[in-house]
Amino acid sequence: MPWIKSKTALVVLILSAILGLYAWLSAVKSPVIFGLREDIKQAIAYQPVPKGVDSLSAETCGTCHRAIYEEWKTSIHSQTFTDPFFQAYWRKDKHIWVCLNCHTPLQNQQPTVVSGLRGDRVDRPLTEPNLHFDEALQQEGVTCAVCHVRDGVIHGPFDDAVAPHPTVYDPKFRSTAICYTCHAVPAAKLQFYNGGPCATFLEFEAGPYKAKGYICQTCHMPEVERPIAEGGPIRKGRSHLWRGGHDPEQIKRALTVALAADQATLAAGKRATWTLTLTNSGAGHMLPTGDPDRYLQAEFEVVDAAGRVLSSRSMTVKRWILWWPVIYEYDDTRIPPFQSRDVTFSYPVPRRDEGLTLRVRVSYHIVTEGAYQRLQKKYGLTVEVPHVFTLYEEQVPLREGTVQRQAAARPTSPRCAPEQAHQDGMG
């Protein structure tokens, strides 16, 4: 019958359109969740070993700069290549070359040299073997030479350094410019982020702390007075710890959590309401920031004496992103500097003590549990990696007469930094 033929033709047309759209998306959609700026399309050019230095290895630098080396060894910068999360995600992305330009940025650290891209496609690199590849140096991730060595000269924040190797003052070390390359990752075609896949640098630049004279190093490389090199004069320099999104203590320093009730004491038979307030009181960027997977979870639970959950409510503070067919960030509930997010919870207070408890918890998640399990099952995450951290816990007995915790004061400057920052970037 004609109507059957018309219906069949319509179905075929729709299926053809869907397949055509899928083929088009597959052809133009980037295989990674970020785009390429010109300055990260290639690794940092091959760096020769400066005169007076045995190698580019951090351990060689540690011969004289021991305290700095020991700090660097504990940092996530030293683990950017060996980090189990990175290795699992990189395996998921089929070991695509571009990830190395931030995780092992020196050409010396990469097995191939990328000279260009076919059709400007990130998954079609023009490569050749790297004759200068140093596998041991690759294991060091963001090692000393990544920031400090250029063209056989050691770059640093001092203009009067006396050293057995060539040195030069570089103003980038007293500004945020040194952090820009890897912490302002842009979007690619068909990627519609609110700022970018990793926009920590841009968040800081647009935030209130920059106007006060703070720089990234204020919190992530705190000032310390000590000899820069063994036997040298005491200087005001910086630690090389870079504590950040993988360190729950750093997150705690950035976050103020306050729990308050709508009444000073609980009254039996009446409904009580609690407000949990999360304030970004100590971070100059969004909280959380960095990888889009990171989020905060605020939870209320009423449990009985047997531990059974009778009622609950939660709030997720995160970026809300559609990943397919295009990347589209449709909401962002993260907390800007000096701002807050509130979640409330109400529950009737029993007329007699029933052993009920209100549990309140704030946790920080590096990845979702589902993503973590996929990394284990499909992408070779063979070690247990801490990825959920409790930042705050409170237990309130639900019975008459319980005095409630009141809201805490909210700081108006970073708790990791001095009250006044010097304009030269050393404060």
Protein backbone atom coordinates (compact mmCIF):
# COMPACT_ATOMS: atom_id res chain seq x y z
CA MET A 1 0.00 0.00 0.00
CA PRO A 2 1.22 3.56 -0.71
CA TRP A 3 1.18 4.67 2.95
CA ILE A 4 3.34 1.66 3.92
CA LYS A 5 5.87 2.55 1.23
CA SER A 6 5.88 6.19 2.40
CA LYS A 7 6.42 5.14 6.01
CA THR A 8 9.27 2.81 5.03
CA ALA A 9 10.89 5.56 2.96
CA LEU A 10 10.63 7.95 5.93
CA VAL A 11 12.28 5.43 8.27
CA VAL A 12 15.07 4.85 5.75
CA LEU A 13 15.53 8.61 5.38
CA ILE A 14 15.72 9.12 9.16
CA LEU A 15 18.18 6.25 9.60
CA SER A 16 20.31 7.56 6.76
CA ALA A 17 20.34 11.02 8.33
CA ILE A 18 21.35 9.57 11.71
CA LEU A 19 24.13 7.49 10.18
CA GLY A 20 25.28 10.46 8.12
CA LEU A 21 25.37 12.69 11.21
CA TYR A 22 27.26 10.00 13.14
CA ALA A 23 29.80 9.68 10.33
CA TRP A 24 30.24 13.45 10.19
CA LEU A 25 30.65 13.73 13.94
CA SER A 26 33.17 10.89 13.95
CA ALA A 27 35.14 12.65 11.23
CA VAL A 28 35.34 16.06 12.92
CA LYS A 29 35.01 15.28 16.62
CA SER A 30 38.29 15.35 18.51
CA PRO A 31 39.31 12.01 20.06
CA VAL A 32 40.33 13.92 23.21
CA ILE A 33 38.26 16.25 25.37
CA PHE A 34 40.36 19.33 24.68
CA GLY A 35 41.75 21.36 21.81
CA LEU A 36 45.22 22.53 20.82
CA ARG A 37 46.68 25.98 21.23
CA GLU A 38 49.63 26.69 18.97
CA ASP A 39 52.02 26.64 21.93
CA ILE A 40 51.05 23.11 22.97
CA LYS A 41 50.95 21.51 19.54
CA GLN A 42 54.57 20.49 20.06
CA ALA A 43 56.69 19.52 23.01
CA ILE A 44 59.24 21.96 24.43
CA ALA A 45 62.14 21.78 21.99
CA TYR A 46 65.09 19.51 22.73
CA GLN A 47 67.16 20.90 25.60
CA PRO A 48 70.89 20.25 25.87
CA VAL A 49 72.42 19.73 29.31
CA PRO A 50 73.80 23.06 30.63
CA LYS A 51 77.54 23.30 31.26
CA GLY A 52 78.47 22.46 34.84
CA VAL A 53 75.54 20.03 35.18
CA ASP A 54 75.80 16.27 34.69
CA SER A 55 72.27 15.68 33.35
CA LEU A 56 68.73 17.06 33.20
CA SER A 57 67.58 14.62 35.87
CA ALA A 58 65.95 16.09 38.97
CA GLU A 59 68.30 13.97 41.07
CA THR A 60 71.24 15.83 39.56
CA CYS A 61 69.61 19.13 40.51
CA GLY A 62 69.07 17.71 44.00
CA THR A 63 72.81 17.45 44.55
CA CYS A 64 72.84 21.18 45.34
CA HIS A 65 69.13 22.02 45.63
CA ARG A 66 68.37 19.22 48.08
CA ALA A 67 65.42 20.71 49.96
CA ILE A 68 63.67 21.69 46.73
CA TYR A 69 64.32 18.25 45.23
CA GLU A 70 62.87 16.47 48.28
CA GLU A 71 59.72 18.58 48.04
CA TRP A 72 59.38 18.01 44.30
CA LYS A 73 59.60 14.22 44.85
CA THR A 74 56.41 14.34 46.94
CA SER A 75 54.50 16.52 44.46
CA ILE A 76 52.00 15.53 41.79
CA HIS A 77 54.32 17.25 39.28
CA SER A 78 56.84 14.47 39.81
CA GLN A 79 54.09 11.91 39.10
CA THR A 80 52.41 13.38 36.03
CA PHE A 81 53.58 10.46 33.91
CA THR A 82 53.59 7.63 36.45
CA ASP A 83 50.29 8.57 38.13
CA PRO A 84 47.99 5.50 37.86
CA PHE A 85 45.01 7.69 36.95
CA PHE A 86 46.91 9.27 34.08
CA GLN A 87 48.15 5.93 32.80
CA ALA A 88 44.62 4.46 32.85
CA TYR A 89 43.04 7.48 31.15
CA TRP A 90 45.88 7.61 28.62
CA ARG A 91 45.30 3.94 27.82
CA LYS A 92 41.60 4.77 27.39
CA ASP A 93 42.64 7.48 24.89
CA LYS A 94 44.84 4.97 23.03
CA HIS A 95 48.06 6.62 24.17
CA ILE A 96 47.45 9.67 22.05
CA TRP A 97 50.61 11.76 21.81
CA VAL A 98 49.22 15.16 22.80
CA CYS A 99 48.71 14.23 26.46
CA LEU A 100 52.48 14.04 26.83
CA ASN A 101 52.90 17.72 26.04
CA CYS A 102 51.75 18.49 29.57
CA HIS A 103 52.59 15.24 31.36
CA THR A 104 56.15 14.97 29.97
CA PRO A 105 56.58 18.34 28.26
CA LEU A 106 60.22 18.16 27.14
CA GLN A 107 61.01 16.69 23.74
CA ASN A 108 63.79 14.86 25.59
CA GLN A 109 61.05 12.93 27.44
CA GLN A 110 59.06 11.76 24.41
CA PRO A 111 59.81 8.74 22.19
CA THR A 112 58.68 10.46 18.99
CA VAL A 113 58.89 13.95 17.54
CA VAL A 114 55.62 15.34 16.18
CA SER A 115 56.35 17.69 13.29
CA GLY A 116 52.78 18.38 12.25
CA LEU A 117 49.22 17.11 11.87
CA ARG A 118 47.53 15.66 8.80
CA GLY A 119 44.45 17.75 8.10
CA ASP A 120 45.03 19.52 11.44
CA ARG A 121 43.69 16.37 13.16
CA VAL A 122 45.08 15.57 16.59
CA ASP A 123 44.75 11.84 15.90
CA ARG A 124 46.81 12.06 12.67
CA PRO A 125 50.27 13.22 13.74
CA LEU A 126 53.32 13.30 11.51
CA THR A 127 55.98 11.63 13.62
CA GLU A 128 59.56 10.46 13.52
CA PRO A 129 61.68 8.64 16.10
CA ASN A 130 63.26 10.89 18.74
CA LEU A 131 66.99 10.21 18.80
CA HIS A 132 67.30 12.18 22.06
CA PHE A 133 64.58 10.29 23.95
CA ASP A 134 65.51 9.74 27.61
CA GLU A 135 63.21 7.12 29.12
CA ALA A 136 64.45 7.73 32.66
CA LEU A 137 63.72 11.44 32.32
CA GLN A 138 60.24 10.61 31.04
CA GLN A 139 59.46 8.93 34.36
CA GLU A 140 60.07 12.23 36.15
CA GLY A 141 57.05 13.94 34.60
CA VAL A 142 57.16 17.69 35.17
CA THR A 143 60.77 17.64 36.25
CA CYS A 144 63.05 20.59 37.09
CA ALA A 145 64.22 21.09 33.50
CA VAL A 146 60.65 21.47 32.23
CA CYS A 147 60.40 24.89 33.88
CA HIS A 148 64.01 25.88 34.47
CA VAL A 149 66.15 24.83 31.47
CA ARG A 150 66.13 26.61 28.11
CA ASP A 151 68.95 26.53 25.52
CA GLY A 152 71.59 25.34 27.97
CA VAL A 153 70.78 28.01 30.59
CA ILE A 154 69.07 27.65 33.97
CA HIS A 155 66.16 30.11 34.30
CA GLY A 156 64.98 31.28 37.72
CA PRO A 157 63.46 34.06 39.83
CA PHE A 158 66.72 35.77 40.88
CA ASP A 159 68.92 38.18 38.92
CA ASP A 160 72.01 37.83 41.14
CA ALA A 161 72.42 34.06 41.32
CA VAL A 162 75.97 32.69 41.63
CA ALA A 163 76.13 29.09 40.42
CA PRO A 164 78.44 26.59 38.69
CA HIS A 165 76.14 26.64 35.66
CA PRO A 166 74.78 29.42 33.42
CA THR A 167 71.79 31.22 34.97
CA VAL A 168 69.41 33.96 33.91
CA TYR A 169 66.58 35.84 35.59
CA ASP A 170 63.16 35.02 34.14
CA PRO A 171 60.19 37.18 35.23
CA LYS A 172 57.76 34.35 34.49
CA PHE A 173 58.69 32.78 37.83
CA ARG A 174 57.26 35.79 39.66
CA SER A 175 53.94 35.69 37.78
CA THR A 176 51.17 33.30 36.79
CA ALA A 177 52.65 32.98 33.29
CA ILE A 178 54.69 29.93 34.33
CA CYS A 179 51.41 28.05 35.03
CA TYR A 180 49.50 29.07 31.92
CA THR A 181 50.59 26.42 29.41
CA CYS A 182 49.08 23.38 31.13
CA HIS A 183 46.41 24.96 33.32
CA ALA A 184 44.44 26.81 30.63
CA VAL A 185 43.59 23.94 28.29
CA PRO A 186 41.27 25.11 25.47
CA ALA A 187 38.25 23.47 23.85
CA ALA A 188 38.19 22.00 20.34
CA LYS A 189 35.45 21.89 17.72
CA LEU A 190 32.14 20.52 18.97
CA GLN A 191 33.29 21.13 22.56
CA PHE A 192 31.13 23.71 24.27
CA TYR A 193 32.59 24.21 27.73
CA ASN A 194 32.01 27.04 30.12
CA GLY A 195 35.60 28.26 29.91
CA GLY A 196 37.39 25.10 28.81
CA PRO A 197 38.01 21.52 29.92
CA CYS A 198 40.65 22.72 32.40
CA ALA A 199 40.28 26.45 33.03
CA THR A 200 41.94 26.91 36.41
CA PHE A 201 44.26 29.61 35.10
CA LEU A 202 41.41 31.50 33.44
CA GLU A 203 39.24 31.20 36.57
CA PHE A 204 42.02 32.75 38.65
CA GLU A 205 42.68 35.53 36.15
CA ALA A 206 38.99 36.48 36.21
CA GLY A 207 38.70 36.18 39.99
CA PRO A 208 39.14 38.61 42.89
CA TYR A 209 42.57 37.46 44.12
CA LYS A 210 44.52 38.65 41.10
CA ALA A 211 43.41 42.22 41.81
CA LYS A 212 44.84 41.86 45.32
CA GLY A 213 48.27 40.91 43.99
CA TYR A 214 48.08 37.17 44.58
CA ILE A 215 49.49 34.70 42.07
CA CYS A 216 49.06 30.94 41.73
CA GLN A 217 52.27 30.41 43.69
CA THR A 218 50.86 32.24 46.72
CA CYS A 219 48.91 29.14 47.72
CA HIS A 220 50.53 26.36 45.70
CA MET A 221 54.18 27.34 46.29
CA PRO A 222 54.14 29.12 49.67
CA GLU A 223 57.05 31.37 50.62
CA VAL A 224 59.92 29.88 52.57
CA GLU A 225 63.21 31.42 53.73
CA ARG A 226 66.20 29.14 53.28
CA PRO A 227 69.28 28.66 51.10
CA ILE A 228 68.24 27.99 47.51
CA ALA A 229 71.33 25.81 47.10
CA GLU A 230 73.35 23.95 49.74
CA GLY A 231 75.71 26.39 51.45
CA GLY A 232 74.17 29.42 49.75
CA PRO A 233 72.74 32.55 51.36
CA ILE A 234 69.29 32.48 52.94
CA ARG A 235 66.73 33.86 50.50
CA LYS A 236 63.00 34.32 50.37
CA GLY A 237 62.05 31.62 47.88
CA ARG A 238 59.18 29.18 47.44
CA SER A 239 58.39 25.61 48.34
CA HIS A 240 58.04 23.15 45.47
CA LEU A 241 55.11 21.11 46.80
CA TRP A 242 52.29 22.26 44.48
CA ARG A 243 49.58 20.85 46.73
CA GLY A 244 46.25 21.00 44.92
CA GLY A 245 43.35 18.91 43.72
CA HIS A 246 44.87 15.57 44.74
CA ASP A 247 45.47 16.69 48.34
CA PRO A 248 42.43 16.70 50.67
CA GLU A 249 44.23 18.93 53.16
CA GLN A 250 44.62 21.61 50.50
CA ILE A 251 40.90 21.33 49.69
CA LYS A 252 40.07 21.69 53.39
CA ARG A 253 42.10 24.89 53.55
CA ALA A 254 40.06 26.30 50.66
CA LEU A 255 36.63 25.30 51.98
CA THR A 256 34.66 26.59 54.95
CA VAL A 257 31.82 24.28 56.03
CA ALA A 258 29.15 25.51 58.43
CA LEU A 259 26.11 23.69 59.85
CA ALA A 260 23.29 25.66 61.47
CA ALA A 261 19.77 24.86 62.67
CA ASP A 262 16.70 27.06 62.57
CA GLN A 263 16.33 26.75 66.36
CA ALA A 264 18.77 26.84 69.26
CA THR A 265 17.50 23.54 70.69
CA LEU A 266 15.43 20.73 69.29
CA ALA A 267 11.79 20.54 70.36
CA ALA A 268 10.11 17.12 70.48
CA GLY A 269 7.33 16.75 67.96
CA LYS A 270 8.42 19.73 65.88
CA ARG A 271 10.17 19.75 62.53
CA ALA A 272 13.72 21.08 62.57
CA THR A 273 15.60 22.43 59.57
CA TRP A 274 19.36 22.45 59.14
CA THR A 275 21.36 24.44 56.61
CA LEU A 276 24.75 23.25 55.46
CA THR A 277 26.80 26.02 53.87
CA LEU A 278 29.88 25.41 51.71
CA THR A 279 31.97 28.54 51.15
CA ASN A 280 34.95 28.91 48.84
CA SER A 281 36.89 30.93 51.40
CA GLY A 282 40.44 30.10 50.35
CA ALA A 283 40.76 29.30 46.63
CA GLY A 284 41.32 31.90 43.95
CA HIS A 285 39.49 29.79 41.38
CA MET A 286 36.38 27.64 41.23
CA LEU A 287 36.01 24.95 43.86
CA PRO A 288 36.57 22.27 42.74
CA THR A 289 38.67 23.10 39.68
CA GLY A 290 40.78 21.30 37.10
CA ASP A 291 39.63 17.99 35.68
CA PRO A 292 35.88 18.05 34.87
CA ASP A 293 35.36 14.79 36.79
CA ARG A 294 36.03 16.38 40.19
CA TYR A 295 33.12 17.27 42.45
CA LEU A 296 31.99 17.94 46.01
CA GLN A 297 29.13 16.04 47.64
CA ALA A 298 27.18 17.36 50.63
CA GLU A 299 24.92 14.80 52.34
CA PHE A 300 22.31 14.60 55.09
CA GLU A 301 21.19 11.20 56.43
CA VAL A 302 18.89 10.26 59.28
CA VAL A 303 19.84 6.82 60.61
CA ASP A 304 18.33 4.69 63.33
CA ALA A 305 20.13 2.76 66.05
CA ALA A 306 20.67 -0.16 63.65
CA GLY A 307 22.31 2.10 61.06
CA ARG A 308 19.37 2.05 58.63
CA VAL A 309 18.90 5.22 56.60
CA LEU A 310 15.39 6.63 57.15
CA SER A 311 15.70 9.83 55.16
CA SER A 312 18.39 11.59 53.17
CA ARG A 313 19.22 14.52 50.93
CA SER A 314 22.33 15.47 49.01
CA MET A 315 23.78 18.26 46.88
CA THR A 316 26.43 17.80 44.21
CA VAL A 317 28.77 20.67 43.42
CA LYS A 318 30.22 20.04 39.98
CA ARG A 319 30.23 20.70 36.26
CA TRP A 320 27.34 19.08 34.40
CA ILE A 321 28.52 17.97 30.97
CA LEU A 322 26.95 16.08 28.07
CA TRP A 323 29.79 14.11 26.46
CA TRP A 324 28.06 12.80 23.31
CA PRO A 325 27.29 13.48 20.47
CA VAL A 326 29.07 16.75 21.22
CA ILE A 327 30.60 18.01 24.44
CA TYR A 328 28.22 20.52 26.00
CA GLU A 329 28.49 21.94 29.50
CA TYR A 330 24.92 22.75 30.45
CA ASP A 331 25.36 23.69 34.09
CA ASP A 332 28.06 24.55 36.59
CA THR A 333 27.29 24.53 40.31
CA ARG A 334 30.88 24.87 41.48
CA ILE A 335 31.70 27.63 43.97
CA PRO A 336 33.47 30.82 42.83
CA PRO A 337 35.82 32.61 45.26
CA PHE A 338 34.03 34.08 48.31
CA GLN A 339 30.71 32.56 47.29
CA SER A 340 28.66 29.80 48.90
CA ARG A 341 26.30 26.93 48.18
CA ASP A 342 23.57 25.98 50.68
CA VAL A 343 21.64 22.77 51.08
CA THR A 344 18.82 22.42 53.63
CA PHE A 345 17.26 19.40 55.28
CA SER A 346 14.17 19.09 57.46
CA TYR A 347 13.06 16.27 59.75
CA PRO A 348 10.58 15.96 62.64
CA VAL A 349 12.16 15.48 66.06
CA PRO A 350 10.71 12.32 67.70
CA ARG A 351 8.50 12.80 70.74
CA ARG A 352 10.67 10.29 72.57
CA ASP A 353 14.29 9.32 72.15
CA GLU A 354 14.37 6.67 69.38
CA GLY A 355 18.14 6.61 68.96
CA LEU A 356 18.01 8.57 65.70
CA THR A 357 21.07 10.47 64.46
CA LEU A 358 21.47 13.11 61.79
CA ARG A 359 24.70 12.48 59.90
CA VAL A 360 26.18 15.32 57.88
CA ARG A 361 29.09 14.76 55.52
CA VAL A 362 30.98 16.70 52.88
CA SER A 363 33.22 14.68 50.58
CA TYR A 364 35.55 15.45 47.69
CA HIS A 365 35.71 13.15 44.68
CA ILE A 366 38.51 13.05 42.10
CA VAL A 367 36.38 10.81 39.86
CA THR A 368 32.93 9.28 40.07
CA GLU A 369 32.69 5.75 41.40
CA GLY A 370 31.42 4.57 38.02
CA ALA A 371 34.40 6.11 36.21
CA TYR A 372 36.77 4.61 38.77
CA GLN A 373 35.34 1.13 38.24
CA ARG A 374 35.56 1.49 34.45
CA LEU A 375 39.22 2.43 34.77
CA GLN A 376 39.73 -0.74 36.81
CA LYS A 377 37.74 -3.09 34.59
CA LYS A 378 38.62 -1.77 31.14
CA TYR A 379 41.72 0.38 31.28
CA GLY A 380 44.21 -1.33 33.54
CA LEU A 381 43.95 0.60 36.79
CA THR A 382 45.47 -2.22 38.83
CA VAL A 383 46.26 -0.35 42.06
CA GLU A 384 43.85 1.14 44.56
CA VAL A 385 44.11 4.91 44.29
CA PRO A 386 42.46 7.17 46.89
CA HIS A 387 39.75 9.06 45.03
CA VAL A 388 37.14 9.96 47.68
CA PHE A 389 38.06 12.10 50.69
CA THR A 390 35.90 13.14 53.63
CA LEU A 391 36.34 16.85 54.33
CA TYR A 392 33.73 17.33 57.05
CA GLU A 393 31.57 15.13 59.29
CA GLU A 394 29.04 15.93 61.97
CA GLN A 395 26.59 13.75 63.91
CA VAL A 396 23.61 15.32 65.64
CA PRO A 397 21.45 13.18 68.00
CA LEU A 398 17.80 13.71 67.11
CA ARG A 399 16.24 14.18 70.50
CA GLU A 400 14.80 17.06 72.47
CA GLY A 401 17.22 19.60 73.86
CA THR A 402 20.20 19.05 71.58
CA VAL A 403 22.16 22.27 71.17
CA GLN A 404 22.97 22.94 67.52
CA ARG A 405 26.20 24.04 65.96
CA GLN A 406 26.00 27.58 64.60
CA ALA A 407 27.42 28.91 61.35
CA ALA A 408 31.14 29.65 61.29
CA ALA A 409 32.73 32.90 60.20
CA ARG A 410 33.66 33.11 56.52
CA PRO A 411 37.18 34.40 55.79
CA THR A 412 37.59 37.05 53.08
CA SER A 413 41.19 36.24 52.08
CA PRO A 414 43.00 32.97 51.33
CA ARG A 415 43.81 31.02 54.47
CA CYS A 416 46.89 29.60 52.77
CA ALA A 417 48.39 33.05 52.19
CA PRO A 418 49.43 36.18 54.10
CA GLU A 419 46.84 38.93 54.40
CA GLN A 420 48.71 41.23 52.04
CA ALA A 421 50.41 39.98 48.88
CA HIS A 422 53.40 41.80 47.45
CA GLN A 423 52.89 43.16 43.96
CA ASP A 424 56.19 41.64 42.79
CA GLY A 425 54.55 38.23 43.06
CA MET A 426 56.69 36.96 45.93
CA GLY A 427 53.96 37.32 48.54
